[in-house]
N, C-alpha and C. Protein backbone atom coordinates (compact mmCIF):
# COMPACT_ATOMS: atom_id res chain seq x y z
N MET A 1 85.08 -81.31 68.62
CA MET A 1 83.77 -80.71 68.61
C MET A 1 82.85 -81.52 67.72
N VAL A 2 81.69 -81.84 68.23
CA VAL A 2 80.69 -82.60 67.49
C VAL A 2 79.84 -81.65 66.67
N LYS A 3 79.57 -82.02 65.43
CA LYS A 3 78.69 -81.23 64.56
C LYS A 3 77.50 -82.09 64.17
N TRP A 4 76.37 -81.42 64.01
CA TRP A 4 75.16 -82.09 63.58
C TRP A 4 74.88 -81.68 62.13
N PHE A 5 74.48 -82.64 61.33
CA PHE A 5 74.18 -82.39 59.93
C PHE A 5 72.78 -82.89 59.60
N GLY A 6 72.13 -82.22 58.68
CA GLY A 6 70.83 -82.68 58.20
C GLY A 6 71.01 -83.77 57.16
N ARG A 7 70.00 -84.62 57.04
CA ARG A 7 70.00 -85.62 55.97
C ARG A 7 68.55 -85.95 55.65
N THR A 8 68.35 -86.50 54.49
CA THR A 8 66.99 -86.85 54.08
C THR A 8 66.58 -88.18 54.70
N LYS A 9 65.30 -88.34 54.84
CA LYS A 9 64.72 -89.59 55.34
C LYS A 9 63.50 -89.88 54.48
N SER A 10 63.53 -90.95 53.73
CA SER A 10 62.38 -91.34 52.92
C SER A 10 61.36 -92.02 53.82
N LEU A 11 60.12 -91.60 53.72
CA LEU A 11 59.07 -92.17 54.54
C LEU A 11 58.50 -93.44 53.94
N GLU A 12 58.59 -93.56 52.62
CA GLU A 12 58.15 -94.78 51.95
C GLU A 12 58.67 -94.77 50.52
N THR A 13 58.63 -95.93 49.90
CA THR A 13 59.01 -96.07 48.50
C THR A 13 57.78 -96.52 47.72
N LEU A 14 57.40 -95.75 46.72
CA LEU A 14 56.27 -96.11 45.88
C LEU A 14 56.75 -96.98 44.73
N ASN A 15 56.13 -98.13 44.55
CA ASN A 15 56.43 -98.92 43.37
C ASN A 15 55.61 -98.39 42.20
N THR A 16 55.77 -98.98 41.05
CA THR A 16 55.10 -98.48 39.85
C THR A 16 53.58 -98.52 40.00
N ARG A 17 53.06 -99.59 40.60
CA ARG A 17 51.60 -99.71 40.80
C ARG A 17 51.07 -98.58 41.69
N ARG A 18 51.77 -98.31 42.79
CA ARG A 18 51.32 -97.28 43.72
C ARG A 18 51.44 -95.89 43.09
N LEU A 19 52.48 -95.66 42.30
CA LEU A 19 52.62 -94.39 41.60
C LEU A 19 51.49 -94.23 40.58
N ALA A 20 51.17 -95.29 39.86
CA ALA A 20 50.07 -95.24 38.89
C ALA A 20 48.75 -94.93 39.59
N GLN A 21 48.52 -95.52 40.74
CA GLN A 21 47.31 -95.25 41.51
C GLN A 21 47.27 -93.78 41.92
N HIS A 22 48.40 -93.27 42.38
CA HIS A 22 48.49 -91.87 42.81
C HIS A 22 48.20 -90.92 41.64
N ILE A 23 48.79 -91.19 40.50
CA ILE A 23 48.57 -90.35 39.32
C ILE A 23 47.10 -90.38 38.92
N ALA A 24 46.51 -91.56 38.92
CA ALA A 24 45.11 -91.70 38.53
C ALA A 24 44.18 -90.95 39.49
N GLU A 25 44.57 -90.81 40.74
CA GLU A 25 43.76 -90.10 41.73
C GLU A 25 43.83 -88.58 41.59
N HIS A 26 44.71 -88.08 40.76
CA HIS A 26 44.87 -86.64 40.57
C HIS A 26 44.06 -86.13 39.38
N GLY A 27 42.81 -86.50 39.33
CA GLY A 27 41.93 -85.98 38.29
C GLY A 27 42.20 -86.52 36.91
N SER A 28 42.90 -87.64 36.82
CA SER A 28 43.21 -88.22 35.52
C SER A 28 41.98 -88.92 34.95
N ILE A 29 41.83 -88.87 33.64
CA ILE A 29 40.74 -89.61 33.00
C ILE A 29 41.12 -91.07 32.80
N TYR A 30 42.36 -91.41 33.10
CA TYR A 30 42.87 -92.76 32.89
C TYR A 30 42.79 -93.57 34.17
N THR A 31 42.50 -94.83 34.04
CA THR A 31 42.44 -95.73 35.20
C THR A 31 43.87 -96.05 35.65
N PRO A 32 44.02 -96.52 36.88
CA PRO A 32 45.35 -96.90 37.36
C PRO A 32 46.03 -97.93 36.45
N ASP A 33 45.26 -98.87 35.88
CA ASP A 33 45.86 -99.87 34.99
C ASP A 33 46.43 -99.26 33.72
N VAL A 34 45.75 -98.27 33.17
CA VAL A 34 46.24 -97.59 31.97
C VAL A 34 47.51 -96.81 32.29
N VAL A 35 47.49 -96.08 33.41
CA VAL A 35 48.67 -95.31 33.83
C VAL A 35 49.83 -96.26 34.07
N TYR A 36 49.57 -97.39 34.73
CA TYR A 36 50.62 -98.39 34.99
C TYR A 36 51.22 -98.88 33.68
N GLY A 37 50.37 -99.16 32.70
CA GLY A 37 50.87 -99.62 31.40
C GLY A 37 51.78 -98.60 30.73
N VAL A 38 51.39 -97.33 30.82
CA VAL A 38 52.21 -96.26 30.23
C VAL A 38 53.54 -96.16 30.96
N LEU A 39 53.52 -96.23 32.29
CA LEU A 39 54.76 -96.14 33.07
C LEU A 39 55.69 -97.32 32.76
N GLU A 40 55.13 -98.50 32.63
CA GLU A 40 55.95 -99.68 32.30
C GLU A 40 56.55 -99.54 30.90
N LYS A 41 55.76 -99.04 29.95
CA LYS A 41 56.26 -98.84 28.60
C LYS A 41 57.35 -97.77 28.60
N PHE A 42 57.15 -96.70 29.39
CA PHE A 42 58.16 -95.65 29.53
C PHE A 42 59.48 -96.26 30.04
N ARG A 43 59.38 -97.08 31.07
CA ARG A 43 60.59 -97.69 31.64
C ARG A 43 61.33 -98.52 30.60
N SER A 44 60.63 -99.39 29.90
CA SER A 44 61.31 -100.26 28.94
C SER A 44 61.87 -99.45 27.76
N CYS A 45 61.14 -98.44 27.32
CA CYS A 45 61.63 -97.60 26.21
C CYS A 45 62.79 -96.72 26.64
N LEU A 46 62.76 -96.24 27.88
CA LEU A 46 63.88 -95.45 28.40
C LEU A 46 65.16 -96.27 28.36
N VAL A 47 65.10 -97.49 28.86
CA VAL A 47 66.28 -98.36 28.85
C VAL A 47 66.73 -98.63 27.43
N GLU A 48 65.79 -98.91 26.54
CA GLU A 48 66.11 -99.16 25.13
C GLU A 48 66.84 -97.97 24.50
N MET A 49 66.33 -96.77 24.70
CA MET A 49 66.94 -95.57 24.12
C MET A 49 68.32 -95.30 24.71
N LEU A 50 68.47 -95.50 26.01
CA LEU A 50 69.77 -95.29 26.64
C LEU A 50 70.80 -96.29 26.11
N LEU A 51 70.38 -97.52 25.89
CA LEU A 51 71.29 -98.53 25.34
C LEU A 51 71.63 -98.27 23.88
N GLU A 52 70.83 -97.42 23.22
CA GLU A 52 71.13 -97.00 21.85
C GLU A 52 71.91 -95.68 21.84
N SER A 53 72.52 -95.34 22.98
CA SER A 53 73.37 -94.14 23.13
C SER A 53 72.61 -92.84 22.93
N LYS A 54 71.34 -92.83 23.31
CA LYS A 54 70.53 -91.62 23.20
C LYS A 54 70.26 -91.08 24.59
N LYS A 55 70.20 -89.76 24.71
CA LYS A 55 69.73 -89.12 25.93
C LYS A 55 68.22 -89.03 25.82
N VAL A 56 67.53 -89.07 26.97
CA VAL A 56 66.08 -88.95 26.97
C VAL A 56 65.71 -87.79 27.87
N LYS A 57 65.15 -86.74 27.25
CA LYS A 57 64.75 -85.55 28.01
C LYS A 57 63.24 -85.58 28.21
N ILE A 58 62.83 -85.51 29.46
CA ILE A 58 61.41 -85.41 29.81
C ILE A 58 61.17 -83.95 30.17
N ASP A 59 60.46 -83.24 29.31
CA ASP A 59 60.22 -81.82 29.53
C ASP A 59 59.63 -81.57 30.91
N GLY A 60 60.19 -80.60 31.60
CA GLY A 60 59.72 -80.25 32.93
C GLY A 60 60.27 -81.13 34.04
N LEU A 61 61.01 -82.17 33.68
CA LEU A 61 61.59 -83.07 34.69
C LEU A 61 63.10 -83.08 34.59
N GLY A 62 63.64 -83.52 33.47
CA GLY A 62 65.09 -83.56 33.30
C GLY A 62 65.49 -84.56 32.23
N THR A 63 66.79 -84.85 32.21
CA THR A 63 67.37 -85.68 31.16
C THR A 63 68.05 -86.91 31.75
N PHE A 64 67.73 -88.07 31.19
CA PHE A 64 68.40 -89.31 31.53
C PHE A 64 69.51 -89.54 30.50
N TYR A 65 70.66 -90.01 30.96
CA TYR A 65 71.77 -90.30 30.06
C TYR A 65 72.67 -91.34 30.72
N THR A 66 73.65 -91.85 29.99
CA THR A 66 74.54 -92.87 30.53
C THR A 66 75.96 -92.33 30.68
N THR A 67 76.68 -92.93 31.62
CA THR A 67 78.11 -92.67 31.77
C THR A 67 78.82 -94.01 31.94
N LEU A 68 80.09 -94.03 31.59
CA LEU A 68 80.91 -95.23 31.74
C LEU A 68 81.84 -95.11 32.93
N GLU A 69 82.07 -96.22 33.57
CA GLU A 69 83.13 -96.34 34.57
C GLU A 69 84.19 -97.21 33.90
N SER A 70 85.36 -96.63 33.64
CA SER A 70 86.34 -97.31 32.81
C SER A 70 87.75 -97.15 33.38
N ALA A 71 88.49 -98.22 33.33
CA ALA A 71 89.91 -98.17 33.66
C ALA A 71 90.68 -97.78 32.40
N GLY A 72 91.82 -97.17 32.57
CA GLY A 72 92.61 -96.75 31.43
C GLY A 72 93.59 -97.81 30.97
N ALA A 73 94.04 -97.67 29.74
CA ALA A 73 95.08 -98.53 29.18
C ALA A 73 96.23 -97.63 28.74
N ALA A 74 97.42 -98.15 28.82
CA ALA A 74 98.61 -97.37 28.47
C ALA A 74 98.61 -96.99 26.99
N LYS A 75 98.12 -97.87 26.14
CA LYS A 75 98.09 -97.61 24.70
C LYS A 75 96.72 -97.97 24.15
N LYS A 76 96.36 -97.29 23.07
CA LYS A 76 95.07 -97.53 22.42
C LYS A 76 94.91 -99.00 22.06
N GLU A 77 95.98 -99.61 21.57
CA GLU A 77 95.94 -101.01 21.14
C GLU A 77 95.68 -101.96 22.30
N ASP A 78 96.00 -101.52 23.52
CA ASP A 78 95.83 -102.37 24.69
C ASP A 78 94.43 -102.27 25.31
N TYR A 79 93.65 -101.30 24.85
CA TYR A 79 92.33 -101.09 25.44
C TYR A 79 91.38 -102.21 25.01
N ASN A 80 90.74 -102.84 25.97
CA ASN A 80 89.82 -103.92 25.72
C ASN A 80 88.53 -103.63 26.48
N VAL A 81 87.41 -103.58 25.77
CA VAL A 81 86.13 -103.22 26.37
C VAL A 81 85.79 -104.16 27.54
N GLN A 82 85.91 -105.47 27.34
CA GLN A 82 85.56 -106.41 28.40
C GLN A 82 86.45 -106.25 29.63
N GLU A 83 87.68 -105.89 29.43
CA GLU A 83 88.62 -105.77 30.55
C GLU A 83 88.57 -104.39 31.21
N HIS A 84 88.42 -103.34 30.45
CA HIS A 84 88.57 -102.00 30.98
C HIS A 84 87.28 -101.31 31.41
N ILE A 85 86.14 -101.68 30.82
CA ILE A 85 84.89 -101.06 31.23
C ILE A 85 84.37 -101.77 32.47
N LYS A 86 84.23 -101.02 33.54
CA LYS A 86 83.82 -101.57 34.83
C LYS A 86 82.33 -101.38 35.10
N GLY A 87 81.71 -100.40 34.47
CA GLY A 87 80.29 -100.18 34.72
C GLY A 87 79.69 -99.21 33.72
N LEU A 88 78.39 -99.36 33.52
CA LEU A 88 77.60 -98.45 32.70
C LEU A 88 76.48 -97.96 33.60
N HIS A 89 76.42 -96.66 33.82
CA HIS A 89 75.50 -96.08 34.79
C HIS A 89 74.45 -95.20 34.13
N ILE A 90 73.23 -95.26 34.66
CA ILE A 90 72.18 -94.35 34.24
C ILE A 90 72.22 -93.15 35.16
N ARG A 91 72.28 -91.97 34.58
CA ARG A 91 72.33 -90.72 35.33
C ARG A 91 71.09 -89.89 35.02
N PHE A 92 70.83 -88.94 35.89
CA PHE A 92 69.69 -88.05 35.71
C PHE A 92 70.13 -86.64 36.03
N LEU A 93 69.85 -85.72 35.12
CA LEU A 93 70.14 -84.30 35.32
C LEU A 93 68.81 -83.56 35.38
N PRO A 94 68.46 -83.00 36.55
CA PRO A 94 67.18 -82.30 36.66
C PRO A 94 67.08 -81.15 35.68
N GLY A 95 65.86 -80.91 35.19
CA GLY A 95 65.62 -79.80 34.29
C GLY A 95 65.76 -78.47 35.01
N GLN A 96 66.13 -77.45 34.27
CA GLN A 96 66.30 -76.13 34.87
C GLN A 96 65.50 -75.08 34.12
N GLU A 97 64.41 -75.52 33.45
CA GLU A 97 63.54 -74.57 32.80
C GLU A 97 62.88 -73.72 33.87
N GLN A 98 62.59 -72.49 33.56
CA GLN A 98 62.07 -71.55 34.55
C GLN A 98 60.77 -72.00 35.19
N GLU A 99 59.84 -72.58 34.40
CA GLU A 99 58.52 -72.89 34.97
C GLU A 99 58.57 -74.03 36.00
N VAL A 100 59.42 -75.01 35.81
CA VAL A 100 59.55 -76.12 36.76
C VAL A 100 61.04 -76.40 36.94
N ASN A 101 61.71 -75.54 37.67
CA ASN A 101 63.15 -75.68 37.86
C ASN A 101 63.41 -76.68 38.98
N LEU A 102 64.05 -77.79 38.65
CA LEU A 102 64.35 -78.82 39.64
C LEU A 102 65.82 -78.83 40.03
N SER A 103 66.55 -77.75 39.71
CA SER A 103 67.93 -77.68 40.15
C SER A 103 67.96 -77.71 41.67
N SER A 104 69.07 -78.08 42.26
CA SER A 104 69.12 -78.28 43.71
C SER A 104 68.72 -77.03 44.50
N ARG A 105 69.11 -75.86 44.05
CA ARG A 105 68.75 -74.64 44.78
C ARG A 105 67.25 -74.36 44.71
N GLN A 106 66.64 -74.56 43.56
CA GLN A 106 65.21 -74.32 43.41
C GLN A 106 64.40 -75.41 44.12
N PHE A 107 64.87 -76.64 44.05
CA PHE A 107 64.20 -77.75 44.72
C PHE A 107 64.24 -77.54 46.23
N LEU A 108 65.34 -77.03 46.72
CA LEU A 108 65.50 -76.73 48.14
C LEU A 108 64.45 -75.73 48.61
N LYS A 109 64.15 -74.73 47.77
CA LYS A 109 63.16 -73.71 48.13
C LYS A 109 61.76 -74.30 48.25
N LYS A 110 61.49 -75.40 47.54
CA LYS A 110 60.15 -76.00 47.55
C LYS A 110 59.99 -77.02 48.68
N ALA A 111 61.08 -77.44 49.27
CA ALA A 111 61.05 -78.51 50.27
C ALA A 111 60.61 -78.00 51.63
N GLU A 112 60.05 -78.91 52.40
CA GLU A 112 59.68 -78.63 53.78
C GLU A 112 60.52 -79.53 54.66
N PHE A 113 61.09 -79.00 55.71
CA PHE A 113 61.96 -79.77 56.58
C PHE A 113 61.37 -79.84 57.99
N ILE A 114 61.45 -81.03 58.56
CA ILE A 114 61.02 -81.22 59.94
C ILE A 114 62.07 -82.03 60.68
N SER A 115 62.04 -81.95 61.98
CA SER A 115 62.97 -82.69 62.81
C SER A 115 62.56 -84.16 62.86
N ILE A 116 63.52 -85.06 62.84
CA ILE A 116 63.24 -86.48 62.94
C ILE A 116 62.57 -86.79 64.27
N ASP A 117 62.83 -85.98 65.29
CA ASP A 117 62.20 -86.18 66.59
C ASP A 117 60.68 -86.05 66.48
N SER A 118 60.20 -85.15 65.64
CA SER A 118 58.75 -85.00 65.49
C SER A 118 58.16 -86.21 64.78
N LEU A 119 58.90 -86.83 63.86
CA LEU A 119 58.42 -88.05 63.21
C LEU A 119 58.39 -89.20 64.21
N ASN A 120 59.44 -89.28 65.03
CA ASN A 120 59.50 -90.34 66.04
C ASN A 120 58.36 -90.19 67.03
N ALA A 121 58.04 -88.95 67.41
CA ALA A 121 56.95 -88.71 68.35
C ALA A 121 55.62 -89.15 67.76
N LYS A 122 55.41 -88.88 66.47
CA LYS A 122 54.16 -89.29 65.81
C LYS A 122 54.06 -90.80 65.73
N SER A 123 55.17 -91.47 65.46
CA SER A 123 55.13 -92.93 65.35
C SER A 123 54.88 -93.58 66.70
N LYS A 124 55.14 -92.87 67.80
CA LYS A 124 54.88 -93.39 69.14
C LYS A 124 53.49 -93.01 69.64
N GLY A 125 52.67 -92.42 68.77
CA GLY A 125 51.31 -92.11 69.13
C GLY A 125 51.09 -90.68 69.54
N ASP A 126 52.12 -89.86 69.51
CA ASP A 126 51.98 -88.46 69.89
C ASP A 126 51.71 -87.65 68.63
N GLY A 127 50.52 -87.81 68.08
CA GLY A 127 50.18 -87.15 66.82
C GLY A 127 49.98 -85.66 66.94
N ASP A 128 49.93 -85.11 68.18
CA ASP A 128 49.70 -83.70 68.37
C ASP A 128 50.99 -82.90 68.44
N ALA A 129 52.13 -83.56 68.39
CA ALA A 129 53.39 -82.85 68.50
C ALA A 129 53.61 -82.00 67.26
N PRO A 130 53.85 -80.70 67.41
CA PRO A 130 54.08 -79.85 66.23
C PRO A 130 55.43 -80.15 65.60
N PRO A 131 55.53 -80.07 64.27
CA PRO A 131 56.83 -80.27 63.63
C PRO A 131 57.79 -79.16 64.02
N GLU A 132 59.04 -79.56 64.21
CA GLU A 132 60.07 -78.59 64.53
C GLU A 132 60.69 -78.04 63.27
N PRO A 133 61.17 -76.81 63.32
CA PRO A 133 61.81 -76.25 62.12
C PRO A 133 63.13 -76.90 61.82
């Protein structure tokens, strides 16, 4: 028996410049260049803090932190960082404060879903096709 499953489809990827432009267009008193500078500084400082073994919590968004991918050693004396650590990963845990809860269940409630067929129809010039549930 064949089963159908839903999946996400990103329509585009915004780079830092495009995100800065978008933020500036939302009634910000700051120009896109100023917003871009702040975002770039945020990025570099985030990496710096994570490499200093600190978690970074952005109120209303969530917490960035690191995890290790590591192989085990039979004895403590045999453990070697260069040999056993396979990766250092940046992780993100969405915030769950009541006012802006980004947990998966709450985020799901805010999302709008449409059929990929309706997107395909629009890309073929059928802009009047209603989105399917």
